[in-house]
Amino acid sequence: MADMAVALWGRHLRHHPAQPLWADRDRFVLSNGHASMLIY
């Protein structure tokens, strides 16, 4: 899923690493959570 992640997180996801709880951030859910090293 690495290339999928580049497309989403590198070009579309509206978020702020310094403010993880910013109210109007996009939400991202890794439903196949066993792949946790992707989100980490």
PDB file of all heavy atoms in Angstrom:
ATOM      1  N   MET A   1       0.802  -1.223   0.000  1.00  0.00           N
ATOM      2  CA  MET A   1       0.000   0.000   0.000  1.00  0.00           C
ATOM      3  C   MET A   1       0.834   1.273   0.000  1.00  0.00           C
ATOM      4  O   MET A   1       0.283   2.381   0.068  1.00  0.00           O
ATOM      5  CB  MET A   1      -0.938   0.011   1.217  1.00  0.00           C
ATOM      6  CG  MET A   1      -2.034  -1.025   1.172  1.00  0.00           C
ATOM      7  SD  MET A   1      -3.258  -0.829   2.507  1.00  0.00           S
ATOM      8  CE  MET A   1      -2.279  -1.350   3.922  1.00  0.00           C
ATOM      9  N   ALA A   2       2.148   1.148  -0.081  1.00  0.00           N
ATOM     10  CA  ALA A   2       3.022   2.316   0.038  1.00  0.00           C
ATOM     11  C   ALA A   2       2.724   3.370  -1.019  1.00  0.00           C
ATOM     12  O   ALA A   2       2.703   4.573  -0.726  1.00  0.00           O
ATOM     13  CB  ALA A   2       4.484   1.872  -0.039  1.00  0.00           C
ATOM     14  N   ASP A   3       2.495   2.948  -2.257  1.00  0.00           N
ATOM     15  CA  ASP A   3       2.229   3.924  -3.317  1.00  0.00           C
ATOM     16  C   ASP A   3       0.863   4.583  -3.139  1.00  0.00           C
ATOM     17  O   ASP A   3       0.704   5.782  -3.418  1.00  0.00           O
ATOM     18  CB  ASP A   3       2.314   3.238  -4.686  1.00  0.00           C
ATOM     19  CG  ASP A   3       3.657   2.558  -4.896  1.00  0.00           C
ATOM     20  OD1 ASP A   3       4.672   3.259  -4.965  1.00  0.00           O
ATOM     21  OD2 ASP A   3       3.683   1.308  -4.957  1.00  0.00           O
ATOM     22  N   MET A   4      -0.113   3.818  -2.699  1.00  0.00           N
ATOM     23  CA  MET A   4      -1.415   4.396  -2.372  1.00  0.00           C
ATOM     24  C   MET A   4      -1.256   5.475  -1.300  1.00  0.00           C
ATOM     25  O   MET A   4      -1.887   6.530  -1.364  1.00  0.00           O
ATOM     26  CB  MET A   4      -2.366   3.301  -1.872  1.00  0.00           C
ATOM     27  CG  MET A   4      -2.732   2.236  -2.897  1.00  0.00           C
ATOM     28  SD  MET A   4      -3.431   0.731  -2.117  1.00  0.00           S
ATOM     29  CE  MET A   4      -4.787   1.408  -1.170  1.00  0.00           C
ATOM     30  N   ALA A   5      -0.411   5.187  -0.309  1.00  0.00           N
ATOM     31  CA  ALA A   5      -0.194   6.135   0.780  1.00  0.00           C
ATOM     32  C   ALA A   5       0.483   7.407   0.283  1.00  0.00           C
ATOM     33  O   ALA A   5       0.163   8.507   0.746  1.00  0.00           O
ATOM     34  CB  ALA A   5       0.639   5.480   1.878  1.00  0.00           C
ATOM     35  N   VAL A   6       1.426   7.276  -0.654  1.00  0.00           N
ATOM     36  CA  VAL A   6       2.066   8.458  -1.224  1.00  0.00           C
ATOM     37  C   VAL A   6       1.027   9.337  -1.909  1.00  0.00           C
ATOM     38  O   VAL A   6       1.022  10.564  -1.764  1.00  0.00           O
ATOM     39  CB  VAL A   6       3.181   8.067  -2.211  1.00  0.00           C
ATOM     40  CG1 VAL A   6       3.697   9.302  -2.960  1.00  0.00           C
ATOM     41  CG2 VAL A   6       4.332   7.392  -1.472  1.00  0.00           C
ATOM     42  N   ALA A   7       0.122   8.711  -2.658  1.00  0.00           N
ATOM     43  CA  ALA A   7      -0.909   9.477  -3.369  1.00  0.00           C
ATOM     44  C   ALA A   7      -1.811  10.226  -2.396  1.00  0.00           C
ATOM     45  O   ALA A   7      -2.108  11.413  -2.598  1.00  0.00           O
ATOM     46  CB  ALA A   7      -1.737   8.547  -4.257  1.00  0.00           C
ATOM     47  N   LEU A   8      -2.255   9.544  -1.333  1.00  0.00           N
ATOM     48  CA  LEU A   8      -3.189  10.175  -0.400  1.00  0.00           C
ATOM     49  C   LEU A   8      -2.479  11.145   0.538  1.00  0.00           C
ATOM     50  O   LEU A   8      -2.834  12.326   0.619  1.00  0.00           O
ATOM     51  CB  LEU A   8      -3.927   9.109   0.408  1.00  0.00           C
ATOM     52  CG  LEU A   8      -4.870   9.642   1.498  1.00  0.00           C
ATOM     53  CD1 LEU A   8      -5.934  10.549   0.907  1.00  0.00           C
ATOM     54  CD2 LEU A   8      -5.521   8.504   2.280  1.00  0.00           C
ATOM     55  N   TRP A   9      -1.492  10.659   1.270  1.00  0.00           N
ATOM     56  CA  TRP A   9      -0.831  11.491   2.285  1.00  0.00           C
ATOM     57  C   TRP A   9       0.088  12.533   1.653  1.00  0.00           C
ATOM     58  O   TRP A   9       0.282  13.610   2.225  1.00  0.00           O
ATOM     59  CB  TRP A   9      -0.021  10.600   3.238  1.00  0.00           C
ATOM     60  CG  TRP A   9      -0.855   9.941   4.285  1.00  0.00           C
ATOM     61  CD1 TRP A   9      -1.825   9.003   4.093  1.00  0.00           C
ATOM     62  CD2 TRP A   9      -0.792  10.161   5.697  1.00  0.00           C
ATOM     63  NE1 TRP A   9      -2.367   8.624   5.290  1.00  0.00           N
ATOM     64  CE2 TRP A   9      -1.751   9.317   6.294  1.00  0.00           C
ATOM     65  CE3 TRP A   9      -0.006  10.971   6.507  1.00  0.00           C
ATOM     66  CZ2 TRP A   9      -1.957   9.274   7.670  1.00  0.00           C
ATOM     67  CZ3 TRP A   9      -0.205  10.931   7.880  1.00  0.00           C
ATOM     68  CH2 TRP A   9      -1.168  10.090   8.453  1.00  0.00           C
ATOM     69  N   GLY A  10       0.636  12.247   0.507  1.00  0.00           N
ATOM     70  CA  GLY A  10       1.551  13.182  -0.117  1.00  0.00           C
ATOM     71  C   GLY A  10       0.884  14.254  -0.949  1.00  0.00           C
ATOM     72  O   GLY A  10       1.490  15.291  -1.227  1.00  0.00           O
ATOM     73  N   ARG A  11      -0.393  14.029  -1.329  1.00  0.00           N
ATOM     74  CA  ARG A  11      -1.030  14.959  -2.257  1.00  0.00           C
ATOM     75  C   ARG A  11      -2.420  15.429  -1.848  1.00  0.00           C
ATOM     76  O   ARG A  11      -2.920  16.401  -2.413  1.00  0.00           O
ATOM     77  CB  ARG A  11      -1.106  14.316  -3.652  1.00  0.00           C
ATOM     78  CG  ARG A  11       0.250  14.009  -4.244  1.00  0.00           C
ATOM     79  CD  ARG A  11       0.138  13.420  -5.627  1.00  0.00           C
ATOM     80  NE  ARG A  11       1.463  13.181  -6.212  1.00  0.00           N
ATOM     81  CZ  ARG A  11       1.655  12.641  -7.400  1.00  0.00           C
ATOM     82  NH1 ARG A  11       0.624  12.266  -8.155  1.00  0.00           N
ATOM     83  NH2 ARG A  11       2.882  12.466  -7.862  1.00  0.00           N
ATOM     84  N   HIS A  12      -3.055  14.772  -0.915  1.00  0.00           N
ATOM     85  CA  HIS A  12      -4.455  15.112  -0.634  1.00  0.00           C
ATOM     86  C   HIS A  12      -4.776  15.354   0.835  1.00  0.00           C
ATOM     87  O   HIS A  12      -5.572  16.242   1.151  1.00  0.00           O
ATOM     88  CB  HIS A  12      -5.384  14.016  -1.167  1.00  0.00           C
ATOM     89  CG  HIS A  12      -5.425  13.925  -2.647  1.00  0.00           C
ATOM     90  ND1 HIS A  12      -6.238  14.724  -3.428  1.00  0.00           N
ATOM     91  CD2 HIS A  12      -4.722  13.138  -3.508  1.00  0.00           C
ATOM     92  CE1 HIS A  12      -6.056  14.433  -4.702  1.00  0.00           C
ATOM     93  NE2 HIS A  12      -5.143  13.478  -4.779  1.00  0.00           N
ATOM     94  N   LEU A  13      -4.229  14.563   1.734  1.00  0.00           N
ATOM     95  CA  LEU A  13      -4.667  14.590   3.127  1.00  0.00           C
ATOM     96  C   LEU A  13      -4.396  15.951   3.754  1.00  0.00           C
ATOM     97  O   LEU A  13      -3.276  16.450   3.735  1.00  0.00           O
ATOM     98  CB  LEU A  13      -3.955  13.501   3.925  1.00  0.00           C
ATOM     99  CG  LEU A  13      -4.584  13.161   5.282  1.00  0.00           C
ATOM    100  CD1 LEU A  13      -5.892  12.396   5.085  1.00  0.00           C
ATOM    101  CD2 LEU A  13      -3.620  12.349   6.130  1.00  0.00           C
ATOM    102  N   ARG A  14      -5.442  16.559   4.311  1.00  0.00           N
ATOM    103  CA  ARG A  14      -5.351  17.849   4.990  1.00  0.00           C
ATOM    104  C   ARG A  14      -5.174  17.577   6.488  1.00  0.00           C
ATOM    105  O   ARG A  14      -6.111  17.183   7.166  1.00  0.00           O
ATOM    106  CB  ARG A  14      -6.603  18.688   4.725  1.00  0.00           C
ATOM    107  CG  ARG A  14      -6.822  19.018   3.264  1.00  0.00           C
ATOM    108  CD  ARG A  14      -8.203  19.626   3.017  1.00  0.00           C
ATOM    109  NE  ARG A  14      -8.367  20.921   3.655  1.00  0.00           N
ATOM    110  CZ  ARG A  14      -9.069  21.157   4.748  1.00  0.00           C
ATOM    111  NH1 ARG A  14      -9.693  20.142   5.366  1.00  0.00           N
ATOM    112  NH2 ARG A  14      -9.172  22.363   5.257  1.00  0.00           N
ATOM    113  N   HIS A  15      -3.964  17.793   6.969  1.00  0.00           N
ATOM    114  CA  HIS A  15      -3.673  17.489   8.372  1.00  0.00           C
ATOM    115  C   HIS A  15      -2.496  18.332   8.809  1.00  0.00           C
ATOM    116  O   HIS A  15      -1.836  18.984   7.994  1.00  0.00           O
ATOM    117  CB  HIS A  15      -3.363  15.997   8.543  1.00  0.00           C
ATOM    118  CG  HIS A  15      -2.115  15.540   7.820  1.00  0.00           C
ATOM    119  ND1 HIS A  15      -1.037  14.991   8.472  1.00  0.00           N
ATOM    120  CD2 HIS A  15      -1.775  15.560   6.510  1.00  0.00           C
ATOM    121  CE1 HIS A  15      -0.098  14.685   7.592  1.00  0.00           C
ATOM    122  NE2 HIS A  15      -0.517  15.022   6.398  1.00  0.00           N
ATOM    123  N   HIS A  16      -2.212  18.325  10.101  1.00  0.00           N
ATOM    124  CA  HIS A  16      -1.088  19.092  10.637  1.00  0.00           C
ATOM    125  C   HIS A  16      -0.388  18.255  11.710  1.00  0.00           C
ATOM    126  O   HIS A  16      -0.957  18.024  12.782  1.00  0.00           O
ATOM    127  CB  HIS A  16      -1.562  20.413  11.230  1.00  0.00           C
ATOM    128  CG  HIS A  16      -0.441  21.362  11.549  1.00  0.00           C
ATOM    129  ND1 HIS A  16       0.874  21.071  11.313  1.00  0.00           N
ATOM    130  CD2 HIS A  16      -0.439  22.610  12.108  1.00  0.00           C
ATOM    131  CE1 HIS A  16       1.639  22.077  11.691  1.00  0.00           C
ATOM    132  NE2 HIS A  16       0.867  23.038  12.179  1.00  0.00           N
ATOM    133  N   PRO A  17       0.827  17.780  11.433  1.00  0.00           N
ATOM    134  CA  PRO A  17       1.524  16.933  12.413  1.00  0.00           C
ATOM    135  C   PRO A  17       1.692  17.589  13.780  1.00  0.00           C
ATOM    136  O   PRO A  17       1.724  16.884  14.796  1.00  0.00           O
ATOM    137  CB  PRO A  17       2.890  16.690  11.750  1.00  0.00           C
ATOM    138  CG  PRO A  17       2.626  16.824  10.282  1.00  0.00           C
ATOM    139  CD  PRO A  17       1.588  17.905  10.173  1.00  0.00           C
ATOM    140  N   ALA A  18       1.790  18.921  13.818  1.00  0.00           N
ATOM    141  CA  ALA A  18       1.972  19.605  15.097  1.00  0.00           C
ATOM    142  C   ALA A  18       0.660  19.807  15.846  1.00  0.00           C
ATOM    143  O   ALA A  18       0.675  20.145  17.029  1.00  0.00           O
ATOM    144  CB  ALA A  18       2.657  20.958  14.872  1.00  0.00           C
ATOM    145  N   GLN A  19      -0.466  19.621  15.159  1.00  0.00           N
ATOM    146  CA  GLN A  19      -1.782  19.748  15.791  1.00  0.00           C
ATOM    147  C   GLN A  19      -2.658  18.570  15.363  1.00  0.00           C
ATOM    148  O   GLN A  19      -3.565  18.712  14.551  1.00  0.00           O
ATOM    149  CB  GLN A  19      -2.438  21.078  15.417  1.00  0.00           C
ATOM    150  CG  GLN A  19      -1.697  22.304  15.923  1.00  0.00           C
ATOM    151  CD  GLN A  19      -2.472  23.590  15.715  1.00  0.00           C
ATOM    152  OE1 GLN A  19      -3.702  23.634  15.851  1.00  0.00           O
ATOM    153  NE2 GLN A  19      -1.768  24.660  15.387  1.00  0.00           N
ATOM    154  N   PRO A  20      -2.377  17.383  15.910  1.00  0.00           N
ATOM    155  CA  PRO A  20      -3.100  16.180  15.477  1.00  0.00           C
ATOM    156  C   PRO A  20      -4.605  16.248  15.699  1.00  0.00           C
ATOM    157  O   PRO A  20      -5.351  15.501  15.046  1.00  0.00           O
ATOM    158  CB  PRO A  20      -2.475  15.069  16.323  1.00  0.00           C
ATOM    159  CG  PRO A  20      -1.164  15.606  16.765  1.00  0.00           C
ATOM    160  CD  PRO A  20      -1.363  17.074  16.924  1.00  0.00           C
ATOM    161  N   LEU A  21      -5.072  17.117  16.599  1.00  0.00           N
ATOM    162  CA  LEU A  21      -6.501  17.192  16.910  1.00  0.00           C
ATOM    163  C   LEU A  21      -7.150  18.439  16.326  1.00  0.00           C
ATOM    164  O   LEU A  21      -8.252  18.813  16.743  1.00  0.00           O
ATOM    165  CB  LEU A  21      -6.709  17.153  18.429  1.00  0.00           C
ATOM    166  CG  LEU A  21      -6.205  15.888  19.124  1.00  0.00           C
ATOM    167  CD1 LEU A  21      -6.453  15.969  20.625  1.00  0.00           C
ATOM    168  CD2 LEU A  21      -6.853  14.638  18.536  1.00  0.00           C
ATOM    169  N   TRP A  22      -6.520  19.095  15.362  1.00  0.00           N
ATOM    170  CA  TRP A  22      -7.138  20.226  14.682  1.00  0.00           C
ATOM    171  C   TRP A  22      -8.529  19.813  14.183  1.00  0.00           C
ATOM    172  O   TRP A  22      -8.702  18.776  13.549  1.00  0.00           O
ATOM    173  CB  TRP A  22      -6.235  20.666  13.523  1.00  0.00           C
ATOM    174  CG  TRP A  22      -6.872  21.603  12.556  1.00  0.00           C
ATOM    175  CD1 TRP A  22      -7.603  22.711  12.850  1.00  0.00           C
ATOM    176  CD2 TRP A  22      -6.862  21.502  11.127  1.00  0.00           C
ATOM    177  NE1 TRP A  22      -8.044  23.316  11.686  1.00  0.00           N
ATOM    178  CE2 TRP A  22      -7.595  22.595  10.624  1.00  0.00           C
ATOM    179  CE3 TRP A  22      -6.292  20.606  10.235  1.00  0.00           C
ATOM    180  CZ2 TRP A  22      -7.789  22.803   9.254  1.00  0.00           C
ATOM    181  CZ3 TRP A  22      -6.474  20.810   8.876  1.00  0.00           C
ATOM    182  CH2 TRP A  22      -7.217  21.896   8.401  1.00  0.00           C
ATOM    183  N   ALA A  23      -9.522  20.643  14.468  1.00  0.00           N
ATOM    184  CA  ALA A  23     -10.923  20.242  14.302  1.00  0.00           C
ATOM    185  C   ALA A  23     -11.297  19.861  12.873  1.00  0.00           C
ATOM    186  O   ALA A  23     -12.044  18.905  12.662  1.00  0.00           O
ATOM    187  CB  ALA A  23     -11.838  21.371  14.785  1.00  0.00           C
ATOM    188  N   ASP A  24     -10.784  20.587  11.877  1.00  0.00           N
ATOM    189  CA  ASP A  24     -11.242  20.329  10.509  1.00  0.00           C
ATOM    190  C   ASP A  24     -10.229  19.546   9.684  1.00  0.00           C
ATOM    191  O   ASP A  24     -10.216  19.624   8.461  1.00  0.00           O
ATOM    192  CB  ASP A  24     -11.570  21.651   9.798  1.00  0.00           C
ATOM    193  CG  ASP A  24     -12.572  21.452   8.665  1.00  0.00           C
ATOM    194  OD1 ASP A  24     -13.464  20.583   8.799  1.00  0.00           O
ATOM    195  OD2 ASP A  24     -12.454  22.145   7.631  1.00  0.00           O
ATOM    196  N   ARG A  25      -9.395  18.762  10.363  1.00  0.00           N
ATOM    197  CA  ARG A  25      -8.481  17.882   9.641  1.00  0.00           C
ATOM    198  C   ARG A  25      -9.254  16.781   8.913  1.00  0.00           C
ATOM    199  O   ARG A  25     -10.347  16.397   9.338  1.00  0.00           O
ATOM    200  CB  ARG A  25      -7.494  17.239  10.607  1.00  0.00           C
ATOM    201  CG  ARG A  25      -8.176  16.228  11.541  1.00  0.00           C
ATOM    202  CD  ARG A  25      -7.283  15.828  12.691  1.00  0.00           C
ATOM    203  NE  ARG A  25      -7.920  14.841  13.576  1.00  0.00           N
ATOM    204  CZ  ARG A  25      -8.798  15.137  14.533  1.00  0.00           C
ATOM    205  NH1 ARG A  25      -9.155  16.398  14.726  1.00  0.00           N
ATOM    206  NH2 ARG A  25      -9.316  14.183  15.289  1.00  0.00           N
ATOM    207  N   ASP A  26      -8.687  16.281   7.838  1.00  0.00           N
ATOM    208  CA  ASP A  26      -9.212  15.052   7.259  1.00  0.00           C
ATOM    209  C   ASP A  26      -8.947  13.908   8.230  1.00  0.00           C
ATOM    210  O   ASP A  26      -7.927  13.903   8.940  1.00  0.00           O
ATOM    211  CB  ASP A  26      -8.540  14.740   5.924  1.00  0.00           C
ATOM    212  CG  ASP A  26      -8.964  15.671   4.806  1.00  0.00           C
ATOM    213  OD1 ASP A  26     -10.044  16.275   4.911  1.00  0.00           O
ATOM    214  OD2 ASP A  26      -8.211  15.792   3.815  1.00  0.00           O
ATOM    215  N   ARG A  27      -9.847  12.944   8.251  1.00  0.00           N
ATOM    216  CA  ARG A  27      -9.639  11.752   9.082  1.00  0.00           C
ATOM    217  C   ARG A  27      -9.110  10.618   8.205  1.00  0.00           C
ATOM    218  O   ARG A  27      -9.585  10.421   7.093  1.00  0.00           O
ATOM    219  CB  ARG A  27     -10.947  11.309   9.742  1.00  0.00           C
ATOM    220  CG  ARG A  27     -11.238  11.955  11.093  1.00  0.00           C
ATOM    221  CD  ARG A  27     -11.308  13.458  11.078  1.00  0.00           C
ATOM    222  NE  ARG A  27     -11.815  14.003  12.343  1.00  0.00           N
ATOM    223  CZ  ARG A  27     -11.921  15.282  12.594  1.00  0.00           C
ATOM    224  NH1 ARG A  27     -11.578  16.183  11.687  1.00  0.00           N
ATOM    225  NH2 ARG A  27     -12.373  15.692  13.761  1.00  0.00           N
ATOM    226  N   PHE A  28      -8.124   9.888   8.742  1.00  0.00           N
ATOM    227  CA  PHE A  28      -7.591   8.713   8.052  1.00  0.00           C
ATOM    228  C   PHE A  28      -7.702   7.510   8.970  1.00  0.00           C
ATOM    229  O   PHE A  28      -7.257   7.556  10.123  1.00  0.00           O
ATOM    230  CB  PHE A  28      -6.129   8.918   7.649  1.00  0.00           C
ATOM    231  CG  PHE A  28      -5.502   7.667   7.075  1.00  0.00           C
ATOM    232  CD1 PHE A  28      -5.797   7.267   5.782  1.00  0.00           C
ATOM    233  CD2 PHE A  28      -4.645   6.887   7.834  1.00  0.00           C
ATOM    234  CE1 PHE A  28      -5.245   6.108   5.251  1.00  0.00           C
ATOM    235  CE2 PHE A  28      -4.083   5.724   7.318  1.00  0.00           C
ATOM    236  CZ  PHE A  28      -4.385   5.333   6.015  1.00  0.00           C
ATOM    237  N   VAL A  29      -8.278   6.447   8.448  1.00  0.00           N
ATOM    238  CA  VAL A  29      -8.460   5.212   9.216  1.00  0.00           C
ATOM    239  C   VAL A  29      -7.805   4.061   8.458  1.00  0.00           C
ATOM    240  O   VAL A  29      -8.109   3.825   7.285  1.00  0.00           O
ATOM    241  CB  VAL A  29      -9.955   4.907   9.433  1.00  0.00           C
ATOM    242  CG1 VAL A  29     -10.121   3.584  10.164  1.00  0.00           C
ATOM    243  CG2 VAL A  29     -10.617   6.034  10.215  1.00  0.00           C
ATOM    244  N   LEU A  30      -6.900   3.364   9.124  1.00  0.00           N
ATOM    245  CA  LEU A  30      -6.301   2.151   8.553  1.00  0.00           C
ATOM    246  C   LEU A  30      -7.133   0.974   9.034  1.00  0.00           C
ATOM    247  O   LEU A  30      -6.885   0.411  10.098  1.00  0.00           O
ATOM    248  CB  LEU A  30      -4.844   2.027   8.998  1.00  0.00           C
ATOM    249  CG  LEU A  30      -4.074   0.853   8.401  1.00  0.00           C
ATOM    250  CD1 LEU A  30      -3.883   1.003   6.898  1.00  0.00           C
ATOM    251  CD2 LEU A  30      -2.716   0.697   9.093  1.00  0.00           C
ATOM    252  N   SER A  31      -8.143   0.612   8.231  1.00  0.00           N
ATOM    253  CA  SER A  31      -9.063  -0.434   8.669  1.00  0.00           C
ATOM    254  C   SER A  31      -8.355  -1.783   8.765  1.00  0.00           C
ATOM    255  O   SER A  31      -8.623  -2.558   9.685  1.00  0.00           O
ATOM    256  CB  SER A  31     -10.259  -0.527   7.711  1.00  0.00           C
ATOM    257  OG  SER A  31     -11.243  -1.388   8.227  1.00  0.00           O
ATOM    258  N   ASN A  32      -7.454  -2.069   7.822  1.00  0.00           N
ATOM    259  CA  ASN A  32      -6.661  -3.297   7.936  1.00  0.00           C
ATOM    260  C   ASN A  32      -5.489  -3.016   8.882  1.00  0.00           C
ATOM    261  O   ASN A  32      -4.328  -2.879   8.484  1.00  0.00           O
ATOM    262  CB  ASN A  32      -6.191  -3.792   6.564  1.00  0.00           C
ATOM    263  CG  ASN A  32      -5.770  -2.678   5.619  1.00  0.00           C
ATOM    264  OD1 ASN A  32      -5.912  -1.499   5.906  1.00  0.00           O
ATOM    265  ND2 ASN A  32      -5.241  -3.053   4.478  1.00  0.00           N
ATOM    266  N   GLY A  33      -5.829  -2.947  10.163  1.00  0.00           N
ATOM    267  CA  GLY A  33      -4.917  -2.441  11.180  1.00  0.00           C
ATOM    268  C   GLY A  33      -3.689  -3.291  11.414  1.00  0.00           C
ATOM    269  O   GLY A  33      -2.717  -2.812  12.004  1.00  0.00           O
ATOM    270  N   HIS A  34      -3.701  -4.544  10.951  1.00  0.00           N
ATOM    271  CA  HIS A  34      -2.489  -5.357  11.081  1.00  0.00           C
ATOM    272  C   HIS A  34      -1.329  -4.734  10.294  1.00  0.00           C
ATOM    273  O   HIS A  34      -0.168  -4.998  10.582  1.00  0.00           O
ATOM    274  CB  HIS A  34      -2.745  -6.787  10.594  1.00  0.00           C
ATOM    275  CG  HIS A  34      -3.228  -6.869   9.182  1.00  0.00           C
ATOM    276  ND1 HIS A  34      -4.557  -6.772   8.852  1.00  0.00           N
ATOM    277  CD2 HIS A  34      -2.564  -7.023   8.018  1.00  0.00           C
ATOM    278  CE1 HIS A  34      -4.694  -6.871   7.538  1.00  0.00           C
ATOM    279  NE2 HIS A  34      -3.492  -7.014   7.004  1.00  0.00           N
ATOM    280  N   ALA A  35      -1.658  -3.888   9.316  1.00  0.00           N
ATOM    281  CA  ALA A  35      -0.640  -3.201   8.516  1.00  0.00           C
ATOM    282  C   ALA A  35      -0.164  -1.930   9.218  1.00  0.00           C
ATOM    283  O   ALA A  35       0.143  -0.920   8.589  1.00  0.00           O
ATOM    284  CB  ALA A  35      -1.203  -2.875   7.135  1.00  0.00           C
ATOM    285  N   SER A  36      -0.071  -1.980  10.538  1.00  0.00           N
ATOM    286  CA  SER A  36       0.157  -0.777  11.337  1.00  0.00           C
ATOM    287  C   SER A  36       1.449  -0.053  10.996  1.00  0.00           C
ATOM    288  O   SER A  36       1.544   1.164  11.173  1.00  0.00           O
ATOM    289  CB  SER A  36       0.155  -1.134  12.825  1.00  0.00           C
ATOM    290  OG  SER A  36       1.117  -2.150  13.101  1.00  0.00           O
ATOM    291  N   MET A  37       2.454  -0.765  10.496  1.00  0.00           N
ATOM    292  CA  MET A  37       3.696  -0.068  10.158  1.00  0.00           C
ATOM    293  C   MET A  37       3.489   0.909   9.009  1.00  0.00           C
ATOM    294  O   MET A  37       4.320   1.817   8.835  1.00  0.00           O
ATOM    295  CB  MET A  37       4.808  -1.056   9.829  1.00  0.00           C
ATOM    296  CG  MET A  37       5.670  -1.432  11.024  1.00  0.00           C
ATOM    297  SD  MET A  37       6.300  -0.011  11.993  1.00  0.00           S
ATOM    298  CE  MET A  37       7.193   0.919  10.762  1.00  0.00           C
ATOM    299  N   LEU A  38       2.426   0.784   8.259  1.00  0.00           N
ATOM    300  CA  LEU A  38       2.131   1.785   7.237  1.00  0.00           C
ATOM    301  C   LEU A  38       1.835   3.126   7.892  1.00  0.00           C
ATOM    302  O   LEU A  38       2.438   4.150   7.554  1.00  0.00           O
ATOM    303  CB  LEU A  38       0.940   1.349   6.370  1.00  0.00           C
ATOM    304  CG  LEU A  38       0.505   2.388   5.338  1.00  0.00           C
ATOM    305  CD1 LEU A  38       1.477   2.437   4.178  1.00  0.00           C
ATOM    306  CD2 LEU A  38      -0.908   2.124   4.838  1.00  0.00           C
ATOM    307  N   ILE A  39       0.910   3.142   8.835  1.00  0.00           N
ATOM    308  CA  ILE A  39       0.538   4.418   9.449  1.00  0.00           C
ATOM    309  C   ILE A  39       1.653   4.931  10.354  1.00  0.00           C
ATOM    310  O   ILE A  39       1.891   6.141  10.421  1.00  0.00           O
ATOM    311  CB  ILE A  39      -0.814   4.308  10.206  1.00  0.00           C
ATOM    312  CG1 ILE A  39      -1.305   5.714  10.584  1.00  0.00           C
ATOM    313  CG2 ILE A  39      -0.728   3.399  11.408  1.00  0.00           C
ATOM    314  CD1 ILE A  39      -2.735   5.741  11.066  1.00  0.00           C
ATOM    315  N   TYR A  40       2.391   4.048  11.019  1.00  0.00           N
ATOM    316  CA  TYR A  40       3.488   4.520  11.843  1.00  0.00           C
ATOM    317  C   TYR A  40       4.571   5.173  10.980  1.00  0.00           C
ATOM    318  O   TYR A  40       5.142   6.208  11.345  1.00  0.00           O
ATOM    319  CB  TYR A  40       4.089   3.379  12.658  1.00  0.00           C
ATOM    320  CG  TYR A  40       3.139   2.762  13.661  1.00  0.00           C
ATOM    321  CD1 TYR A  40       3.258   1.426  14.034  1.00  0.00           C
ATOM    322  CD2 TYR A  40       2.123   3.516  14.243  1.00  0.00           C
ATOM    323  CE1 TYR A  40       2.397   0.853  14.960  1.00  0.00           C
ATOM    324  CE2 TYR A  40       1.246   2.950  15.165  1.00  0.00           C
ATOM    325  CZ  TYR A  40       1.388   1.614  15.515  1.00  0.00           C
ATOM    326  OH  TYR A  40       0.532   1.051  16.423  1.00  0.00           O
TER     327      TYR A  40
END
